[in-house]
Amino acid sequence: MKKICLLISIAITFPLFAGEFTGAGQAINVLKAHNLSIPQLKKQGFKVLLGEITGAGKKLDLDRINLIITNKSVFDMSRASHIQFIHPSQAKSLSDVEHLEFSQMLVKPTELTGIVYK
């Protein structure tokens, strides 16, 4: 009986913290700190990808990405002062980026916790 109660309590509480394990919870907090919300962004026609940016997220064309989210800030891609590519001749997507520069601040793709794109 104790095991059943323990399993039920874990099943109830685990989904409440699931976003924190993937990084999505932190990204939501950063969006809120910048007066942005997922429903608001979706209403404006954007798609929001939160958590670890791997797979399909890294294959998005850079032209489609509007905002990138790190643990501390939200950056507008139109304000990027420089994009350093791994292989410039092949550069098209986030997987081709070594780092992005925003006013002397470097952001590596591994630091991203979310992206907003159309």
N, C-alpha and C. Protein backbone atom coordinates (compact mmCIF):
# COMPACT_ATOMS: atom_id res chain seq x y z
N MET A 1 0.82 -1.19 0.00
CA MET A 1 0.00 0.00 0.00
C MET A 1 0.87 1.26 0.00
N LYS A 2 1.97 1.23 0.78
CA LYS A 2 2.86 2.39 0.82
C LYS A 2 3.47 2.65 -0.55
N LYS A 3 3.81 1.58 -1.25
CA LYS A 3 4.40 1.73 -2.59
C LYS A 3 3.40 2.36 -3.55
N ILE A 4 2.15 1.97 -3.45
CA ILE A 4 1.12 2.53 -4.33
C ILE A 4 0.94 4.02 -4.04
N CYS A 5 0.88 4.39 -2.77
CA CYS A 5 0.75 5.80 -2.40
C CYS A 5 1.95 6.61 -2.89
N LEU A 6 3.15 6.06 -2.77
CA LEU A 6 4.35 6.74 -3.24
C LEU A 6 4.31 6.94 -4.75
N LEU A 7 3.92 5.90 -5.48
CA LEU A 7 3.83 5.99 -6.95
C LEU A 7 2.78 7.02 -7.38
N ILE A 8 1.67 7.06 -6.69
CA ILE A 8 0.62 8.03 -7.03
C ILE A 8 1.10 9.44 -6.77
N SER A 9 1.77 9.66 -5.63
CA SER A 9 2.25 11.01 -5.33
C SER A 9 3.33 11.45 -6.32
N ILE A 10 4.18 10.54 -6.75
CA ILE A 10 5.20 10.87 -7.76
C ILE A 10 4.53 11.19 -9.09
N ALA A 11 3.54 10.39 -9.47
CA ALA A 11 2.84 10.62 -10.74
C ALA A 11 2.12 11.96 -10.76
N ILE A 12 1.64 12.40 -9.61
CA ILE A 12 0.94 13.69 -9.53
C ILE A 12 1.91 14.86 -9.55
N THR A 13 3.01 14.77 -8.80
CA THR A 13 3.92 15.90 -8.68
C THR A 13 4.95 16.00 -9.80
N PHE A 14 5.31 14.90 -10.45
CA PHE A 14 6.34 14.95 -11.49
C PHE A 14 5.99 15.90 -12.63
N PRO A 15 4.77 15.87 -13.18
CA PRO A 15 4.46 16.78 -14.30
C PRO A 15 4.59 18.26 -13.91
N LEU A 16 4.44 18.59 -12.64
CA LEU A 16 4.56 19.98 -12.22
C LEU A 16 5.97 20.51 -12.40
N PHE A 17 6.95 19.63 -12.34
CA PHE A 17 8.35 20.05 -12.44
C PHE A 17 9.00 19.65 -13.76
N ALA A 18 8.25 19.06 -14.67
CA ALA A 18 8.82 18.54 -15.91
C ALA A 18 9.52 19.61 -16.73
N GLY A 19 8.98 20.82 -16.77
CA GLY A 19 9.59 21.89 -17.55
C GLY A 19 10.98 22.24 -17.07
N GLU A 20 11.21 22.16 -15.78
CA GLU A 20 12.52 22.50 -15.24
C GLU A 20 13.59 21.50 -15.67
N PHE A 21 13.22 20.25 -15.84
CA PHE A 21 14.20 19.25 -16.25
C PHE A 21 14.64 19.45 -17.70
N THR A 22 13.76 19.96 -18.55
CA THR A 22 14.09 20.12 -19.96
C THR A 22 14.66 21.49 -20.26
N GLY A 23 14.57 22.44 -19.35
CA GLY A 23 15.01 23.80 -19.61
C GLY A 23 13.86 24.68 -20.03
N ALA A 24 12.70 24.08 -20.31
CA ALA A 24 11.54 24.85 -20.75
C ALA A 24 11.04 25.77 -19.66
N GLY A 25 11.09 25.32 -18.41
CA GLY A 25 10.64 26.16 -17.30
C GLY A 25 11.45 27.43 -17.18
N GLN A 26 12.74 27.33 -17.32
CA GLN A 26 13.62 28.50 -17.26
C GLN A 26 13.34 29.44 -18.42
N ALA A 27 13.13 28.89 -19.60
CA ALA A 27 12.84 29.71 -20.77
C ALA A 27 11.54 30.49 -20.60
N ILE A 28 10.54 29.85 -19.99
CA ILE A 28 9.26 30.53 -19.74
C ILE A 28 9.47 31.68 -18.78
N ASN A 29 10.28 31.47 -17.74
CA ASN A 29 10.57 32.54 -16.78
C ASN A 29 11.29 33.71 -17.44
N VAL A 30 12.20 33.43 -18.35
CA VAL A 30 12.93 34.48 -19.06
C VAL A 30 11.97 35.26 -19.96
N LEU A 31 11.07 34.55 -20.65
CA LEU A 31 10.08 35.23 -21.48
C LEU A 31 9.22 36.16 -20.63
N LYS A 32 8.77 35.68 -19.48
CA LYS A 32 7.96 36.51 -18.58
C LYS A 32 8.72 37.75 -18.13
N ALA A 33 10.00 37.58 -17.84
CA ALA A 33 10.83 38.71 -17.40
C ALA A 33 10.95 39.77 -18.50
N HIS A 34 10.77 39.38 -19.75
CA HIS A 34 10.84 40.32 -20.87
C HIS A 34 9.44 40.68 -21.39
N ASN A 35 8.44 40.48 -20.53
CA ASN A 35 7.05 40.80 -20.84
C ASN A 35 6.53 40.09 -22.09
N LEU A 36 6.91 38.83 -22.25
CA LEU A 36 6.45 38.00 -23.36
C LEU A 36 5.80 36.75 -22.79
N SER A 37 4.85 36.21 -23.53
CA SER A 37 4.24 34.95 -23.12
C SER A 37 4.04 34.08 -24.36
N ILE A 38 3.96 32.79 -24.14
CA ILE A 38 3.78 31.87 -25.26
C ILE A 38 2.45 32.10 -25.96
N PRO A 39 1.33 32.24 -25.24
CA PRO A 39 0.06 32.50 -25.94
C PRO A 39 0.10 33.80 -26.76
N GLN A 40 0.74 34.82 -26.22
CA GLN A 40 0.87 36.10 -26.92
C GLN A 40 1.67 35.92 -28.21
N LEU A 41 2.78 35.20 -28.14
CA LEU A 41 3.62 34.96 -29.32
C LEU A 41 2.87 34.13 -30.37
N LYS A 42 2.16 33.10 -29.91
CA LYS A 42 1.41 32.25 -30.84
C LYS A 42 0.28 33.04 -31.50
N LYS A 43 -0.33 33.93 -30.75
CA LYS A 43 -1.40 34.76 -31.30
C LYS A 43 -0.87 35.66 -32.42
N GLN A 44 0.41 36.03 -32.33
CA GLN A 44 1.04 36.86 -33.36
C GLN A 44 1.57 36.04 -34.52
N GLY A 45 1.34 34.73 -34.49
CA GLY A 45 1.73 33.87 -35.61
C GLY A 45 3.08 33.20 -35.47
N PHE A 46 3.70 33.32 -34.30
CA PHE A 46 5.00 32.69 -34.07
C PHE A 46 4.84 31.27 -33.55
N LYS A 47 5.87 30.47 -33.75
CA LYS A 47 5.95 29.14 -33.16
C LYS A 47 7.04 29.21 -32.11
N VAL A 48 6.84 28.52 -31.00
CA VAL A 48 7.77 28.58 -29.88
C VAL A 48 8.31 27.18 -29.62
N LEU A 49 9.63 27.06 -29.58
CA LEU A 49 10.29 25.80 -29.28
C LEU A 49 11.10 26.02 -28.01
N LEU A 50 10.73 25.32 -26.93
CA LEU A 50 11.41 25.50 -25.65
C LEU A 50 12.12 24.22 -25.24
N GLY A 51 13.12 24.37 -24.40
CA GLY A 51 13.91 23.24 -23.95
C GLY A 51 15.20 23.16 -24.73
N GLU A 52 15.82 22.02 -24.69
CA GLU A 52 17.09 21.82 -25.39
C GLU A 52 16.87 21.90 -26.90
N ILE A 53 17.66 22.73 -27.57
CA ILE A 53 17.49 22.93 -29.01
C ILE A 53 18.36 21.90 -29.74
N THR A 54 17.73 20.83 -30.18
CA THR A 54 18.43 19.78 -30.91
C THR A 54 17.57 19.36 -32.10
N GLY A 55 18.08 18.53 -32.95
CA GLY A 55 17.31 17.96 -34.04
C GLY A 55 16.70 18.99 -34.96
N ALA A 56 15.39 18.97 -35.06
CA ALA A 56 14.67 19.84 -36.00
C ALA A 56 14.89 21.32 -35.68
N GLY A 57 15.02 21.67 -34.41
CA GLY A 57 15.25 23.06 -34.04
C GLY A 57 16.55 23.62 -34.59
N LYS A 58 17.56 22.78 -34.65
CA LYS A 58 18.85 23.22 -35.20
C LYS A 58 18.85 23.28 -36.72
N LYS A 59 17.89 22.65 -37.35
CA LYS A 59 17.83 22.63 -38.81
C LYS A 59 16.98 23.77 -39.39
N LEU A 60 16.35 24.56 -38.52
CA LEU A 60 15.56 25.70 -39.00
C LEU A 60 16.44 26.71 -39.71
N ASP A 61 15.96 27.25 -40.82
CA ASP A 61 16.70 28.31 -41.50
C ASP A 61 16.83 29.51 -40.57
N LEU A 62 18.01 30.11 -40.55
CA LEU A 62 18.24 31.27 -39.69
C LEU A 62 17.28 32.42 -40.00
N ASP A 63 16.86 32.52 -41.25
CA ASP A 63 15.93 33.59 -41.64
C ASP A 63 14.57 33.45 -40.97
N ARG A 64 14.22 32.26 -40.54
CA ARG A 64 12.92 32.02 -39.90
C ARG A 64 12.94 32.33 -38.41
N ILE A 65 14.12 32.38 -37.79
CA ILE A 65 14.23 32.58 -36.34
C ILE A 65 14.14 34.06 -36.02
N ASN A 66 13.20 34.41 -35.13
CA ASN A 66 13.00 35.80 -34.73
C ASN A 66 13.65 36.12 -33.39
N LEU A 67 13.51 35.22 -32.43
CA LEU A 67 14.07 35.42 -31.10
C LEU A 67 14.79 34.16 -30.65
N ILE A 68 15.88 34.35 -29.91
CA ILE A 68 16.53 33.22 -29.26
C ILE A 68 16.52 33.49 -27.76
N ILE A 69 16.37 32.42 -26.99
CA ILE A 69 16.24 32.53 -25.54
C ILE A 69 17.38 31.76 -24.89
N THR A 70 18.04 32.41 -23.93
CA THR A 70 19.07 31.75 -23.12
C THR A 70 18.54 31.69 -21.68
N ASN A 71 19.36 31.22 -20.76
CA ASN A 71 18.95 31.15 -19.36
C ASN A 71 18.70 32.52 -18.74
N LYS A 72 19.24 33.57 -19.34
CA LYS A 72 19.15 34.89 -18.73
C LYS A 72 18.48 35.95 -19.58
N SER A 73 18.38 35.74 -20.89
CA SER A 73 17.90 36.83 -21.73
C SER A 73 17.22 36.33 -23.00
N VAL A 74 16.54 37.27 -23.65
CA VAL A 74 15.92 37.04 -24.95
C VAL A 74 16.61 37.97 -25.94
N PHE A 75 17.05 37.42 -27.08
CA PHE A 75 17.75 38.21 -28.08
C PHE A 75 16.96 38.22 -29.38
N ASP A 76 16.81 39.39 -29.96
CA ASP A 76 16.15 39.56 -31.25
C ASP A 76 17.18 39.30 -32.34
N MET A 77 16.91 38.33 -33.20
CA MET A 77 17.88 37.96 -34.24
C MET A 77 18.17 39.12 -35.20
N SER A 78 17.22 40.03 -35.36
CA SER A 78 17.47 41.17 -36.25
C SER A 78 18.50 42.13 -35.66
N ARG A 79 18.81 41.99 -34.38
CA ARG A 79 19.79 42.85 -33.72
C ARG A 79 21.15 42.17 -33.54
N ALA A 80 21.32 41.02 -34.15
CA ALA A 80 22.63 40.33 -34.09
C ALA A 80 23.65 41.15 -34.86
N SER A 81 24.75 41.49 -34.19
CA SER A 81 25.78 42.30 -34.85
C SER A 81 26.71 41.43 -35.71
N HIS A 82 26.79 40.13 -35.38
CA HIS A 82 27.66 39.24 -36.17
C HIS A 82 27.24 37.79 -35.90
N ILE A 83 27.33 36.98 -36.93
CA ILE A 83 27.11 35.54 -36.78
C ILE A 83 28.35 34.84 -37.30
N GLN A 84 29.00 34.09 -36.42
CA GLN A 84 30.20 33.33 -36.79
C GLN A 84 29.77 31.92 -37.16
N PHE A 85 30.05 31.53 -38.41
CA PHE A 85 29.67 30.22 -38.89
C PHE A 85 30.83 29.24 -38.80
N ILE A 86 30.52 27.97 -38.64
CA ILE A 86 31.54 26.92 -38.62
C ILE A 86 32.16 26.79 -40.01
N HIS A 87 31.31 26.67 -41.02
CA HIS A 87 31.72 26.61 -42.42
C HIS A 87 30.88 27.63 -43.19
N PRO A 88 31.36 28.85 -43.35
CA PRO A 88 30.55 29.92 -43.95
C PRO A 88 29.90 29.59 -45.29
N SER A 89 30.54 28.83 -46.12
CA SER A 89 29.98 28.56 -47.45
C SER A 89 28.73 27.68 -47.38
N GLN A 90 28.56 26.91 -46.28
CA GLN A 90 27.43 26.01 -46.16
C GLN A 90 26.37 26.54 -45.19
N ALA A 91 26.58 27.71 -44.63
CA ALA A 91 25.75 28.21 -43.55
C ALA A 91 24.32 28.51 -43.98
N LYS A 92 23.37 27.87 -43.31
CA LYS A 92 21.96 28.11 -43.55
C LYS A 92 21.12 28.01 -42.30
N SER A 93 21.56 27.19 -41.35
CA SER A 93 20.74 26.91 -40.18
C SER A 93 21.52 27.11 -38.89
N LEU A 94 20.83 26.95 -37.78
CA LEU A 94 21.43 27.11 -36.46
C LEU A 94 22.55 26.10 -36.21
N SER A 95 22.47 24.93 -36.85
CA SER A 95 23.52 23.92 -36.68
C SER A 95 24.83 24.36 -37.32
N ASP A 96 24.79 25.35 -38.20
CA ASP A 96 25.99 25.87 -38.86
C ASP A 96 26.64 27.02 -38.11
N VAL A 97 26.05 27.43 -36.99
CA VAL A 97 26.51 28.60 -36.24
C VAL A 97 27.48 28.19 -35.14
N GLU A 98 28.62 28.89 -35.10
CA GLU A 98 29.57 28.70 -34.00
C GLU A 98 29.15 29.57 -32.82
N HIS A 99 28.86 30.85 -33.09
CA HIS A 99 28.31 31.74 -32.07
C HIS A 99 27.65 32.95 -32.73
N LEU A 100 26.81 33.60 -31.96
CA LEU A 100 26.12 34.83 -32.38
C LEU A 100 26.62 35.95 -31.49
N GLU A 101 26.71 37.15 -32.04
CA GLU A 101 27.12 38.31 -31.25
C GLU A 101 26.00 39.33 -31.19
N PHE A 102 25.73 39.79 -29.98
CA PHE A 102 24.74 40.83 -29.74
C PHE A 102 25.41 41.88 -28.87
N SER A 103 25.83 42.99 -29.46
CA SER A 103 26.47 44.09 -28.72
C SER A 103 27.59 43.58 -27.80
N GLN A 104 28.56 42.96 -28.36
CA GLN A 104 29.74 42.47 -27.64
C GLN A 104 29.46 41.23 -26.78
N MET A 105 28.25 40.70 -26.80
CA MET A 105 27.92 39.50 -26.03
C MET A 105 27.86 38.31 -26.97
N LEU A 106 28.61 37.26 -26.66
CA LEU A 106 28.62 36.05 -27.47
C LEU A 106 27.60 35.04 -26.95
N VAL A 107 26.85 34.46 -27.85
CA VAL A 107 25.87 33.43 -27.50
C VAL A 107 26.14 32.22 -28.38
N LYS A 108 26.42 31.09 -27.74
CA LYS A 108 26.66 29.85 -28.47
C LYS A 108 25.35 29.07 -28.58
N PRO A 109 25.15 28.33 -29.65
CA PRO A 109 23.92 27.55 -29.80
C PRO A 109 23.66 26.60 -28.64
N THR A 110 24.70 26.13 -27.97
CA THR A 110 24.52 25.22 -26.84
C THR A 110 23.91 25.92 -25.63
N GLU A 111 23.93 27.25 -25.60
CA GLU A 111 23.38 28.03 -24.49
C GLU A 111 21.88 28.29 -24.65
N LEU A 112 21.33 27.96 -25.81
CA LEU A 112 19.93 28.28 -26.07
C LEU A 112 18.99 27.37 -25.32
N THR A 113 17.95 27.97 -24.74
CA THR A 113 16.89 27.20 -24.07
C THR A 113 15.57 27.34 -24.80
N GLY A 114 15.56 28.12 -25.88
CA GLY A 114 14.36 28.25 -26.66
C GLY A 114 14.57 29.13 -27.88
N ILE A 115 13.67 28.94 -28.86
CA ILE A 115 13.67 29.80 -30.04
C ILE A 115 12.22 30.12 -30.42
N VAL A 116 12.05 31.30 -30.99
CA VAL A 116 10.75 31.73 -31.48
C VAL A 116 10.93 31.98 -32.97
N TYR A 117 10.07 31.36 -33.78
CA TYR A 117 10.25 31.44 -35.22
C TYR A 117 8.90 31.49 -35.94
N LYS A 118 8.95 31.81 -37.22
CA LYS A 118 7.73 31.78 -38.05
C LYS A 118 7.84 30.70 -39.08
